[in-house]
Amino acid sequence: MAEIRMTTETRTDYECEATGLPAERWGEAVFKIGEEELVIEVSVEKSGVIVGIMAGEVAWKGTLEGFKKLLKGELK
């Protein structure tokens, strides 16, 4: 059996919750808002954690450290 390297959780304001979903390498959350999709993907690689975010046709992908810098406004 593969090694569980991360777990995922999903919660909503309807008090619905799914926790402890196992993943060896990657997990993805897809939020559908009408015709739009917001996708967040996290991948655990040997070289580190990779984060990807897609909103419609706009996407960003990079390291976890790069994502933190993006959120702080340190990356463009």
Protein backbone atom coordinates (compact mmCIF):
# COMPACT_ATOMS: atom_id res chain seq x y z
CA MET A 1 0.00 0.00 0.00
CA ALA A 2 1.19 3.53 -0.80
CA GLU A 3 2.31 5.95 1.88
CA ILE A 4 -0.24 8.60 2.92
CA ARG A 5 1.71 11.85 2.66
CA MET A 6 -1.15 14.30 3.20
CA THR A 7 -4.84 14.41 4.01
CA THR A 8 -7.54 16.77 2.76
CA GLU A 9 -10.59 18.32 4.37
CA THR A 10 -13.64 20.07 2.94
CA ARG A 11 -16.15 22.09 4.95
CA THR A 12 -19.19 24.16 3.98
CA ASP A 13 -21.54 26.58 5.71
CA TYR A 14 -24.22 23.86 5.67
CA GLU A 15 -22.13 22.09 8.30
CA CYS A 16 -21.14 19.41 5.78
CA GLU A 17 -17.65 18.11 6.35
CA ALA A 18 -15.37 15.50 4.79
CA THR A 19 -12.12 14.99 6.66
CA GLY A 20 -9.13 12.71 6.54
CA LEU A 21 -9.29 12.00 2.80
CA PRO A 22 -5.90 10.34 2.16
CA ALA A 23 -3.50 11.20 -0.65
CA GLU A 24 -0.08 9.87 -1.51
CA ARG A 25 0.92 12.60 -3.93
CA TRP A 26 -1.79 15.16 -4.75
CA GLY A 27 -5.22 16.52 -3.85
CA GLU A 28 -7.56 18.84 -5.71
CA ALA A 29 -10.58 20.91 -4.70
CA VAL A 30 -12.99 22.11 -7.37
CA PHE A 31 -15.54 24.81 -6.58
CA LYS A 32 -18.26 25.37 -9.19
CA ILE A 33 -19.91 28.79 -9.17
CA GLY A 34 -22.48 28.85 -11.95
CA GLU A 35 -20.49 28.28 -15.15
CA GLU A 36 -17.15 29.15 -13.47
CA GLU A 37 -14.74 26.78 -11.75
CA LEU A 38 -12.14 27.58 -9.11
CA VAL A 39 -9.60 24.77 -8.82
CA ILE A 40 -6.96 24.43 -6.11
CA GLU A 41 -4.41 21.62 -6.38
CA VAL A 42 -1.68 20.66 -3.93
CA SER A 43 1.02 18.19 -4.91
CA VAL A 44 3.62 16.71 -2.54
CA GLU A 45 6.78 16.10 -4.56
CA LYS A 46 10.24 14.94 -3.48
CA SER A 47 11.49 18.45 -4.24
CA GLY A 48 8.76 20.12 -2.12
CA VAL A 49 5.12 21.16 -2.19
CA ILE A 50 3.64 22.50 -5.44
CA VAL A 51 0.47 24.63 -5.42
CA GLY A 52 -1.73 25.28 -8.44
CA ILE A 53 -4.74 27.60 -8.65
CA MET A 54 -7.01 28.07 -11.66
CA ALA A 55 -9.95 30.44 -12.00
CA GLY A 56 -11.48 30.11 -15.45
CA GLU A 57 -8.66 30.68 -17.93
CA VAL A 58 -6.33 32.31 -15.38
CA ALA A 59 -3.86 30.03 -13.61
CA TRP A 60 -0.87 30.14 -11.27
CA LYS A 61 1.43 27.28 -10.34
CA GLY A 62 4.51 27.30 -8.15
CA THR A 63 6.04 26.23 -4.86
CA LEU A 64 4.36 26.60 -1.49
CA GLU A 65 6.88 29.31 -0.60
CA GLY A 66 6.08 31.11 -3.86
CA PHE A 67 2.35 30.87 -3.09
CA LYS A 68 2.92 32.46 0.33
CA LYS A 69 4.85 35.29 -1.35
CA LEU A 70 2.02 35.72 -3.88
CA LEU A 71 -0.51 36.07 -1.06
CA LYS A 72 1.72 38.63 0.69
CA GLY A 73 1.94 40.63 -2.55
CA GLU A 74 5.64 39.93 -2.93
CA LEU A 75 5.19 38.21 -6.32
CA LYS A 76 3.52 39.53 -9.45
